[in-house]
Amino acid sequence: MLGRLRRIFGPYGCVQFMHCETGRGPKGRRVLQRIADTLGVPATGAVNDQFGLGGGNLPFGYNGPTVTAIPRGAPLSDWAKKLPDFPGVSVM
């Protein structure tokens, strides 16, 4: 079912799990890798529990270390090299 979401991600897309410890341990890393492989974009999750800023506000970033899975387990640099040129940007 997750695969149905693949078509909504552009080539520069990513998935970020902001309010949990999705990237914790080997099991968390496997989950992130499956998501990255299925959706074709990097998937990032926190290693430690994440806490909001209080008062119902959501944090704008992670509180501590994260882990990122790249599609097919490739290095981030290899994945990025395969991205199409960004529209409207001239590369010299």
N, C-alpha and C. Protein backbone atom coordinates (compact mmCIF):
# COMPACT_ATOMS: atom_id res chain seq x y z
N MET A 1 0.80 -1.19 0.00
CA MET A 1 0.00 0.00 0.00
C MET A 1 0.85 1.26 0.00
N LEU A 2 1.98 1.23 0.66
CA LEU A 2 2.86 2.39 0.71
C LEU A 2 3.34 2.76 -0.69
N GLY A 3 3.53 1.77 -1.54
CA GLY A 3 3.99 2.00 -2.91
C GLY A 3 3.09 2.91 -3.71
N ARG A 4 1.82 2.98 -3.36
CA ARG A 4 0.90 3.86 -4.08
C ARG A 4 1.27 5.33 -3.90
N LEU A 5 1.99 5.65 -2.86
CA LEU A 5 2.41 7.03 -2.62
C LEU A 5 3.59 7.46 -3.49
N ARG A 6 4.28 6.51 -4.08
CA ARG A 6 5.49 6.82 -4.83
C ARG A 6 5.26 7.90 -5.90
N ARG A 7 4.14 7.86 -6.56
CA ARG A 7 3.89 8.80 -7.66
C ARG A 7 3.72 10.24 -7.21
N ILE A 8 3.49 10.48 -5.92
CA ILE A 8 3.33 11.86 -5.47
C ILE A 8 4.66 12.53 -5.12
N PHE A 9 5.73 11.75 -5.06
CA PHE A 9 7.04 12.30 -4.73
C PHE A 9 7.78 12.70 -6.00
N GLY A 10 8.25 13.94 -6.03
CA GLY A 10 9.11 14.37 -7.12
C GLY A 10 10.51 13.82 -6.88
N PRO A 11 11.41 14.01 -7.84
CA PRO A 11 12.74 13.45 -7.69
C PRO A 11 13.52 14.02 -6.51
N TYR A 12 13.15 15.20 -6.03
CA TYR A 12 13.84 15.82 -4.91
C TYR A 12 13.11 15.60 -3.59
N GLY A 13 12.14 14.70 -3.57
CA GLY A 13 11.34 14.45 -2.37
C GLY A 13 12.11 13.72 -1.29
N CYS A 14 11.52 13.68 -0.11
CA CYS A 14 12.07 12.92 1.00
C CYS A 14 10.96 12.66 2.01
N VAL A 15 11.21 11.73 2.91
CA VAL A 15 10.28 11.41 3.99
C VAL A 15 11.02 11.66 5.29
N GLN A 16 10.36 12.37 6.22
CA GLN A 16 10.96 12.64 7.52
C GLN A 16 9.95 12.28 8.61
N PHE A 17 10.39 11.45 9.54
CA PHE A 17 9.59 11.09 10.70
C PHE A 17 10.05 11.97 11.85
N MET A 18 9.21 12.93 12.24
CA MET A 18 9.62 13.98 13.16
C MET A 18 9.29 13.72 14.63
N HIS A 19 8.29 12.94 14.95
CA HIS A 19 7.85 12.81 16.34
C HIS A 19 7.94 11.40 16.87
N CYS A 20 9.03 10.74 16.62
CA CYS A 20 9.19 9.39 17.13
C CYS A 20 10.66 9.00 17.02
N GLU A 21 10.97 7.79 17.36
CA GLU A 21 12.34 7.29 17.26
C GLU A 21 12.42 6.23 16.16
N THR A 22 11.88 6.55 15.01
CA THR A 22 11.78 5.60 13.89
C THR A 22 13.13 5.02 13.50
N GLY A 23 14.19 5.78 13.60
CA GLY A 23 15.51 5.30 13.19
C GLY A 23 16.28 4.55 14.25
N ARG A 24 15.66 4.24 15.37
CA ARG A 24 16.38 3.58 16.47
C ARG A 24 16.64 2.11 16.17
N GLY A 25 17.86 1.71 16.33
CA GLY A 25 18.25 0.32 16.24
C GLY A 25 18.14 -0.29 14.84
N PRO A 26 18.57 -1.55 14.72
CA PRO A 26 18.54 -2.23 13.42
C PRO A 26 17.14 -2.33 12.82
N LYS A 27 16.13 -2.55 13.65
CA LYS A 27 14.77 -2.66 13.14
C LYS A 27 14.32 -1.32 12.55
N GLY A 28 14.61 -0.23 13.22
CA GLY A 28 14.25 1.09 12.71
C GLY A 28 14.95 1.40 11.41
N ARG A 29 16.21 1.03 11.31
CA ARG A 29 16.96 1.28 10.08
C ARG A 29 16.39 0.45 8.92
N ARG A 30 15.97 -0.78 9.20
CA ARG A 30 15.35 -1.61 8.16
C ARG A 30 14.03 -0.99 7.69
N VAL A 31 13.25 -0.48 8.63
CA VAL A 31 11.98 0.17 8.26
C VAL A 31 12.25 1.36 7.35
N LEU A 32 13.21 2.20 7.72
CA LEU A 32 13.54 3.37 6.90
C LEU A 32 14.03 2.94 5.52
N GLN A 33 14.83 1.87 5.45
CA GLN A 33 15.33 1.42 4.16
C GLN A 33 14.20 0.91 3.28
N ARG A 34 13.27 0.19 3.85
CA ARG A 34 12.12 -0.29 3.07
C ARG A 34 11.30 0.88 2.53
N ILE A 35 11.11 1.89 3.35
CA ILE A 35 10.36 3.07 2.91
C ILE A 35 11.11 3.79 1.80
N ALA A 36 12.41 4.00 1.96
CA ALA A 36 13.22 4.66 0.93
C ALA A 36 13.18 3.87 -0.38
N ASP A 37 13.32 2.56 -0.30
CA ASP A 37 13.30 1.73 -1.50
C ASP A 37 11.93 1.76 -2.18
N THR A 38 10.88 1.72 -1.38
CA THR A 38 9.53 1.70 -1.93
C THR A 38 9.15 3.02 -2.59
N LEU A 39 9.52 4.13 -1.95
CA LEU A 39 9.12 5.44 -2.45
C LEU A 39 10.14 6.08 -3.38
N GLY A 40 11.36 5.55 -3.39
CA GLY A 40 12.40 6.08 -4.27
C GLY A 40 12.99 7.40 -3.83
N VAL A 41 12.82 7.74 -2.55
CA VAL A 41 13.38 8.97 -1.99
C VAL A 41 14.00 8.65 -0.63
N PRO A 42 14.94 9.49 -0.14
CA PRO A 42 15.51 9.25 1.18
C PRO A 42 14.45 9.30 2.28
N ALA A 43 14.66 8.50 3.32
CA ALA A 43 13.77 8.48 4.48
C ALA A 43 14.62 8.67 5.73
N THR A 44 14.25 9.65 6.55
CA THR A 44 15.01 10.01 7.74
C THR A 44 14.14 9.84 8.97
N GLY A 45 14.74 9.32 10.03
CA GLY A 45 14.05 9.19 11.30
C GLY A 45 15.00 9.44 12.44
N ALA A 46 14.47 9.91 13.54
CA ALA A 46 15.26 10.18 14.73
C ALA A 46 15.68 8.88 15.40
N VAL A 47 16.82 8.92 16.07
CA VAL A 47 17.31 7.77 16.83
C VAL A 47 16.71 7.79 18.23
N ASN A 48 16.54 8.97 18.80
CA ASN A 48 16.01 9.12 20.16
C ASN A 48 14.58 9.64 20.13
N ASP A 49 13.90 9.50 21.26
CA ASP A 49 12.55 10.05 21.39
C ASP A 49 12.57 11.53 21.05
N GLN A 50 11.52 12.00 20.40
CA GLN A 50 11.40 13.41 20.03
C GLN A 50 10.29 14.04 20.86
N PHE A 51 10.52 15.26 21.25
CA PHE A 51 9.55 15.97 22.08
C PHE A 51 9.21 17.30 21.44
N GLY A 52 7.95 17.69 21.51
CA GLY A 52 7.51 18.97 20.98
C GLY A 52 8.05 20.11 21.82
N LEU A 53 7.80 21.32 21.36
CA LEU A 53 8.29 22.51 22.05
C LEU A 53 7.38 22.93 23.19
N GLY A 54 6.30 22.19 23.40
CA GLY A 54 5.37 22.53 24.48
C GLY A 54 4.23 23.39 23.95
N GLY A 55 3.15 23.41 24.67
CA GLY A 55 2.02 24.23 24.27
C GLY A 55 1.38 23.78 22.96
N GLY A 56 1.59 22.55 22.57
CA GLY A 56 1.01 22.05 21.33
C GLY A 56 1.78 22.43 20.08
N ASN A 57 2.88 23.15 20.22
CA ASN A 57 3.69 23.53 19.05
C ASN A 57 4.52 22.35 18.58
N LEU A 58 4.70 22.24 17.30
CA LEU A 58 5.52 21.18 16.73
C LEU A 58 6.94 21.69 16.51
N PRO A 59 7.95 20.84 16.71
CA PRO A 59 9.32 21.30 16.43
C PRO A 59 9.54 21.43 14.93
N PHE A 60 10.44 22.30 14.55
CA PHE A 60 10.77 22.50 13.15
C PHE A 60 11.97 21.67 12.73
N GLY A 61 12.51 20.89 13.61
CA GLY A 61 13.67 20.05 13.30
C GLY A 61 13.75 18.91 14.30
N TYR A 62 14.83 18.17 14.21
CA TYR A 62 15.03 17.03 15.09
C TYR A 62 15.73 17.47 16.37
N ASN A 63 15.46 16.75 17.45
CA ASN A 63 16.13 16.97 18.72
C ASN A 63 17.10 15.82 18.93
N GLY A 64 18.25 15.88 18.29
CA GLY A 64 19.25 14.83 18.46
C GLY A 64 19.58 14.12 17.16
N PRO A 65 20.29 12.99 17.25
CA PRO A 65 20.78 12.30 16.06
C PRO A 65 19.67 11.67 15.22
N THR A 66 19.97 11.54 13.95
CA THR A 66 19.04 10.92 13.00
C THR A 66 19.80 9.89 12.17
N VAL A 67 19.03 9.09 11.45
CA VAL A 67 19.59 8.17 10.47
C VAL A 67 18.77 8.33 9.20
N THR A 68 19.45 8.31 8.05
CA THR A 68 18.78 8.46 6.77
C THR A 68 19.08 7.26 5.89
N ALA A 69 18.04 6.68 5.33
CA ALA A 69 18.18 5.58 4.38
C ALA A 69 18.00 6.15 2.97
N ILE A 70 18.87 5.74 2.07
CA ILE A 70 18.84 6.18 0.67
C ILE A 70 18.32 5.01 -0.17
N PRO A 71 17.50 5.28 -1.19
CA PRO A 71 16.99 4.19 -2.02
C PRO A 71 18.11 3.25 -2.50
N ARG A 72 17.84 1.97 -2.42
CA ARG A 72 18.75 0.89 -2.81
C ARG A 72 20.05 0.89 -2.01
N GLY A 73 20.05 1.57 -0.85
CA GLY A 73 21.23 1.57 0.01
C GLY A 73 22.42 2.31 -0.55
N ALA A 74 22.20 3.12 -1.56
CA ALA A 74 23.28 3.86 -2.21
C ALA A 74 23.78 4.98 -1.30
N PRO A 75 25.02 5.41 -1.50
CA PRO A 75 25.47 6.61 -0.80
C PRO A 75 24.66 7.82 -1.27
N LEU A 76 24.47 8.77 -0.39
CA LEU A 76 23.69 9.96 -0.73
C LEU A 76 24.26 10.66 -1.96
N SER A 77 25.58 10.73 -2.08
CA SER A 77 26.19 11.41 -3.23
C SER A 77 25.83 10.72 -4.54
N ASP A 78 25.78 9.40 -4.56
CA ASP A 78 25.40 8.68 -5.78
C ASP A 78 23.95 8.93 -6.14
N TRP A 79 23.07 8.93 -5.13
CA TRP A 79 21.65 9.21 -5.37
C TRP A 79 21.48 10.62 -5.92
N ALA A 80 22.18 11.58 -5.33
CA ALA A 80 22.04 12.97 -5.74
C ALA A 80 22.56 13.20 -7.17
N LYS A 81 23.60 12.49 -7.56
CA LYS A 81 24.15 12.65 -8.92
C LYS A 81 23.14 12.24 -9.99
N LYS A 82 22.22 11.36 -9.65
CA LYS A 82 21.23 10.87 -10.62
C LYS A 82 20.00 11.77 -10.72
N LEU A 83 19.93 12.80 -9.87
CA LEU A 83 18.78 13.70 -9.92
C LEU A 83 18.82 14.53 -11.19
N PRO A 84 17.65 14.84 -11.75
CA PRO A 84 17.62 15.71 -12.93
C PRO A 84 18.00 17.14 -12.53
N ASP A 85 18.44 17.93 -13.50
CA ASP A 85 18.71 19.33 -13.24
C ASP A 85 17.47 19.99 -12.68
N PHE A 86 17.66 20.87 -11.72
CA PHE A 86 16.55 21.59 -11.14
C PHE A 86 16.01 22.58 -12.16
N PRO A 87 14.71 22.60 -12.42
CA PRO A 87 14.14 23.49 -13.45
C PRO A 87 14.52 24.96 -13.21
N GLY A 88 14.94 25.62 -14.26
CA GLY A 88 15.25 27.03 -14.19
C GLY A 88 16.64 27.35 -13.68
N VAL A 89 17.43 26.34 -13.40
CA VAL A 89 18.77 26.57 -12.89
C VAL A 89 19.78 26.16 -13.96
N SER A 90 20.69 27.06 -14.25
CA SER A 90 21.75 26.78 -15.22
C SER A 90 22.95 26.20 -14.48
N VAL A 91 23.42 25.06 -14.93
CA VAL A 91 24.58 24.41 -14.32
C VAL A 91 25.79 24.69 -15.19
N MET A 92 26.82 25.25 -14.59
CA MET A 92 28.05 25.56 -15.34
C MET A 92 29.17 24.68 -14.92
